[in-house]
N, C-alpha and C. Protein backbone atom coordinates (compact mmCIF):
# COMPACT_ATOMS: atom_id res chain seq x y z
N MET A 1 0.84 -1.17 0.00
CA MET A 1 0.00 0.00 0.00
C MET A 1 0.89 1.24 0.00
N ALA A 2 0.55 2.23 -0.79
CA ALA A 2 1.33 3.45 -0.91
C ALA A 2 1.12 4.35 0.30
N ASN A 3 2.16 5.09 0.64
CA ASN A 3 2.04 6.09 1.71
C ASN A 3 1.30 7.29 1.15
N VAL A 4 0.43 7.85 1.95
CA VAL A 4 -0.32 9.03 1.54
C VAL A 4 -0.20 10.08 2.63
N LEU A 5 -0.38 11.32 2.25
CA LEU A 5 -0.36 12.41 3.22
C LEU A 5 -1.66 12.40 4.00
N LYS A 6 -1.56 12.28 5.32
CA LYS A 6 -2.74 12.26 6.17
C LYS A 6 -2.73 13.53 7.02
N VAL A 7 -3.81 14.29 6.97
CA VAL A 7 -3.90 15.54 7.71
C VAL A 7 -5.12 15.47 8.63
N LYS A 8 -4.92 15.88 9.86
CA LYS A 8 -6.03 15.95 10.82
C LYS A 8 -6.46 17.41 10.97
N CYS A 9 -7.74 17.59 11.17
CA CYS A 9 -8.31 18.92 11.35
C CYS A 9 -7.70 19.58 12.59
N GLY A 10 -7.36 20.86 12.47
CA GLY A 10 -6.80 21.59 13.58
C GLY A 10 -7.82 21.93 14.65
N VAL A 11 -9.13 21.77 14.34
CA VAL A 11 -10.19 22.10 15.30
C VAL A 11 -10.72 20.86 15.98
N CYS A 12 -11.21 19.90 15.19
CA CYS A 12 -11.88 18.73 15.79
C CYS A 12 -11.06 17.45 15.75
N GLY A 13 -9.95 17.43 15.00
CA GLY A 13 -9.09 16.25 14.95
C GLY A 13 -9.52 15.20 13.94
N SER A 14 -10.61 15.43 13.21
CA SER A 14 -11.05 14.48 12.19
C SER A 14 -10.10 14.50 11.00
N ARG A 15 -10.18 13.46 10.19
CA ARG A 15 -9.37 13.42 8.98
C ARG A 15 -9.84 14.48 8.00
N CYS A 16 -8.90 14.99 7.24
CA CYS A 16 -9.22 15.98 6.22
C CYS A 16 -8.92 15.39 4.85
N PHE A 17 -9.47 16.00 3.82
CA PHE A 17 -9.13 15.59 2.47
C PHE A 17 -8.55 16.78 1.73
N ILE A 18 -7.67 16.48 0.78
CA ILE A 18 -7.03 17.53 0.00
C ILE A 18 -7.96 17.93 -1.14
N ARG A 19 -8.34 19.20 -1.14
CA ARG A 19 -9.21 19.72 -2.20
C ARG A 19 -8.41 20.16 -3.41
N ARG A 20 -7.24 20.74 -3.15
CA ARG A 20 -6.45 21.29 -4.25
C ARG A 20 -4.99 21.37 -3.83
N SER A 21 -4.12 21.23 -4.80
CA SER A 21 -2.68 21.39 -4.59
C SER A 21 -2.15 22.35 -5.65
N ASP A 22 -1.52 23.42 -5.22
CA ASP A 22 -0.87 24.35 -6.14
C ASP A 22 0.63 24.16 -6.01
N PHE A 23 1.27 23.65 -7.07
CA PHE A 23 2.71 23.45 -7.06
C PHE A 23 3.36 24.75 -7.53
N LEU A 24 3.86 25.52 -6.57
CA LEU A 24 4.35 26.86 -6.85
C LEU A 24 5.78 26.87 -7.36
N SER A 25 6.56 25.89 -7.00
CA SER A 25 7.93 25.74 -7.50
C SER A 25 8.38 24.31 -7.26
N ASP A 26 9.56 23.99 -7.73
CA ASP A 26 10.09 22.65 -7.51
C ASP A 26 10.34 22.48 -6.02
N GLY A 27 9.62 21.57 -5.40
CA GLY A 27 9.80 21.31 -3.98
C GLY A 27 8.92 22.13 -3.06
N PHE A 28 7.97 22.88 -3.60
CA PHE A 28 7.08 23.67 -2.75
C PHE A 28 5.67 23.65 -3.31
N ALA A 29 4.70 23.35 -2.45
CA ALA A 29 3.29 23.33 -2.87
C ALA A 29 2.42 23.92 -1.76
N ARG A 30 1.32 24.48 -2.16
CA ARG A 30 0.32 24.96 -1.22
C ARG A 30 -0.84 23.96 -1.30
N ILE A 31 -1.20 23.36 -0.15
CA ILE A 31 -2.21 22.31 -0.09
C ILE A 31 -3.45 22.86 0.59
N TYR A 32 -4.59 22.78 -0.07
CA TYR A 32 -5.87 23.23 0.48
C TYR A 32 -6.64 22.00 0.96
N ILE A 33 -7.00 21.99 2.23
CA ILE A 33 -7.67 20.83 2.81
C ILE A 33 -9.00 21.24 3.45
N THR A 34 -9.90 20.26 3.59
CA THR A 34 -11.19 20.47 4.25
C THR A 34 -11.46 19.30 5.17
N CYS A 35 -11.99 19.60 6.35
CA CYS A 35 -12.34 18.58 7.34
C CYS A 35 -13.51 17.73 6.82
N THR A 36 -13.45 16.44 7.10
CA THR A 36 -14.51 15.53 6.66
C THR A 36 -15.68 15.47 7.64
N ASN A 37 -15.52 16.07 8.82
CA ASN A 37 -16.59 16.10 9.81
C ASN A 37 -17.64 17.13 9.36
N PRO A 38 -18.86 16.69 9.03
CA PRO A 38 -19.88 17.61 8.52
C PRO A 38 -20.29 18.68 9.54
N GLN A 39 -20.06 18.43 10.81
CA GLN A 39 -20.38 19.44 11.82
C GLN A 39 -19.28 20.50 11.95
N CYS A 40 -18.12 20.23 11.38
CA CYS A 40 -16.98 21.14 11.49
C CYS A 40 -16.73 21.88 10.17
N CYS A 41 -16.34 21.13 9.13
CA CYS A 41 -16.07 21.66 7.78
C CYS A 41 -14.99 22.73 7.75
N GLN A 42 -14.06 22.70 8.70
CA GLN A 42 -12.93 23.64 8.71
C GLN A 42 -12.13 23.47 7.43
N SER A 43 -11.75 24.57 6.81
CA SER A 43 -10.85 24.56 5.64
C SER A 43 -9.56 25.25 6.02
N GLU A 44 -8.44 24.66 5.62
CA GLU A 44 -7.14 25.19 5.97
C GLU A 44 -6.20 25.10 4.76
N VAL A 45 -5.14 25.88 4.83
CA VAL A 45 -4.11 25.85 3.80
C VAL A 45 -2.79 25.48 4.47
N TYR A 46 -2.10 24.50 3.89
CA TYR A 46 -0.79 24.08 4.39
C TYR A 46 0.24 24.39 3.32
N ASN A 47 1.40 24.86 3.77
CA ASN A 47 2.54 25.00 2.87
C ASN A 47 3.38 23.75 3.02
N PHE A 48 3.63 23.09 1.91
CA PHE A 48 4.31 21.81 1.88
C PHE A 48 5.61 22.01 1.11
N GLU A 49 6.75 21.82 1.78
CA GLU A 49 8.00 22.02 1.09
C GLU A 49 9.01 20.92 1.37
N ARG A 50 9.88 20.71 0.41
CA ARG A 50 10.96 19.73 0.56
C ARG A 50 12.03 20.37 1.42
N SER A 51 12.49 19.63 2.41
CA SER A 51 13.49 20.16 3.33
C SER A 51 14.91 19.80 2.88
N HIS A 52 15.18 18.52 2.72
CA HIS A 52 16.51 18.07 2.34
C HIS A 52 16.45 16.64 1.83
N VAL A 53 17.54 16.20 1.23
CA VAL A 53 17.64 14.85 0.69
C VAL A 53 18.17 13.93 1.78
N VAL A 54 17.48 12.83 2.00
CA VAL A 54 17.90 11.85 3.00
C VAL A 54 18.79 10.80 2.34
N LYS A 55 18.41 10.38 1.14
CA LYS A 55 19.18 9.40 0.40
C LYS A 55 19.22 9.85 -1.05
N THR A 56 20.42 9.96 -1.61
CA THR A 56 20.57 10.42 -2.98
C THR A 56 19.99 9.39 -3.95
N SER A 57 19.36 9.90 -4.97
CA SER A 57 18.76 9.05 -5.99
C SER A 57 19.80 8.18 -6.67
N LYS A 58 19.40 6.99 -7.02
CA LYS A 58 20.28 6.11 -7.79
C LYS A 58 20.49 6.65 -9.20
N LEU A 59 19.70 7.62 -9.58
CA LEU A 59 19.81 8.19 -10.91
C LEU A 59 20.70 9.43 -10.95
N SER A 60 21.45 9.67 -9.87
CA SER A 60 22.34 10.82 -9.86
C SER A 60 23.36 10.65 -10.98
N LYS A 61 23.95 11.75 -11.39
CA LYS A 61 24.83 11.75 -12.56
C LYS A 61 25.95 10.72 -12.47
N ASP A 62 26.68 10.70 -11.36
CA ASP A 62 27.80 9.78 -11.23
C ASP A 62 27.35 8.33 -11.29
N ARG A 63 26.28 8.05 -10.59
CA ARG A 63 25.77 6.67 -10.56
C ARG A 63 25.26 6.26 -11.95
N LEU A 64 24.60 7.19 -12.61
CA LEU A 64 24.08 6.91 -13.95
C LEU A 64 25.23 6.61 -14.90
N LEU A 65 26.31 7.41 -14.82
CA LEU A 65 27.48 7.17 -15.67
C LEU A 65 28.11 5.81 -15.37
N GLU A 66 28.23 5.49 -14.10
CA GLU A 66 28.81 4.19 -13.72
C GLU A 66 27.97 3.04 -14.29
N ASP A 67 26.66 3.17 -14.20
CA ASP A 67 25.79 2.11 -14.69
C ASP A 67 25.90 1.95 -16.21
N VAL A 68 25.96 3.07 -16.91
CA VAL A 68 26.07 3.01 -18.38
C VAL A 68 27.42 2.43 -18.78
N ILE A 69 28.48 2.88 -18.13
CA ILE A 69 29.83 2.40 -18.47
C ILE A 69 29.96 0.91 -18.18
N SER A 70 29.33 0.44 -17.11
CA SER A 70 29.44 -0.98 -16.77
C SER A 70 28.79 -1.88 -17.83
N LEU A 71 27.91 -1.31 -18.62
CA LEU A 71 27.25 -2.09 -19.68
C LEU A 71 28.06 -2.15 -20.97
N LEU A 72 29.11 -1.32 -21.06
CA LEU A 72 29.92 -1.28 -22.28
C LEU A 72 30.87 -2.47 -22.35
N SER A 73 31.19 -2.87 -23.56
CA SER A 73 32.21 -3.90 -23.75
C SER A 73 33.57 -3.28 -23.47
N GLU A 74 34.60 -4.12 -23.28
CA GLU A 74 35.95 -3.60 -23.01
C GLU A 74 36.43 -2.73 -24.17
N GLN A 75 36.11 -3.13 -25.38
CA GLN A 75 36.51 -2.35 -26.56
C GLN A 75 35.85 -0.97 -26.54
N ASP A 76 34.57 -0.93 -26.22
CA ASP A 76 33.87 0.35 -26.14
C ASP A 76 34.39 1.22 -25.00
N LYS A 77 34.77 0.59 -23.88
CA LYS A 77 35.35 1.34 -22.76
C LYS A 77 36.67 1.99 -23.17
N GLN A 78 37.51 1.24 -23.91
CA GLN A 78 38.78 1.79 -24.38
C GLN A 78 38.56 2.95 -25.34
N GLN A 79 37.57 2.80 -26.21
CA GLN A 79 37.25 3.86 -27.16
C GLN A 79 36.75 5.11 -26.42
N LEU A 80 35.93 4.93 -25.42
CA LEU A 80 35.43 6.04 -24.61
C LEU A 80 36.57 6.73 -23.88
N LYS A 81 37.51 5.94 -23.36
CA LYS A 81 38.67 6.50 -22.65
C LYS A 81 39.49 7.38 -23.59
N LYS A 82 39.71 6.92 -24.82
CA LYS A 82 40.44 7.71 -25.80
C LYS A 82 39.71 9.01 -26.15
N MET A 83 38.39 8.92 -26.25
CA MET A 83 37.59 10.11 -26.57
C MET A 83 37.70 11.15 -25.44
N ILE A 84 37.67 10.69 -24.20
CA ILE A 84 37.76 11.59 -23.05
C ILE A 84 39.15 12.23 -22.98
N GLU A 85 40.18 11.45 -23.22
CA GLU A 85 41.53 11.98 -23.17
C GLU A 85 41.78 13.00 -24.28
N ALA A 86 41.06 12.90 -25.39
CA ALA A 86 41.22 13.81 -26.51
C ALA A 86 40.59 15.18 -26.22
N VAL A 87 39.71 15.23 -25.23
CA VAL A 87 39.02 16.49 -24.91
C VAL A 87 39.84 17.31 -24.02
């Protein structure tokens, strides 16, 4: 099961649902939520932002290069080495 963002109402503590998400920049969104309790119906806005990287992606540049190079034949690796040395 996937992890989902769970928000509780700041007034009654009931679960809320996300009505809208505005992605304002890379790593920052404004989340509009509404309480599911029909007697409350509190609406709130949360600012949701990325803080920092805990684990670097396996797709980072160095790792990606290592993975691609490991797939090359020895002949292709030698050719690549010559091309790099020529630059």
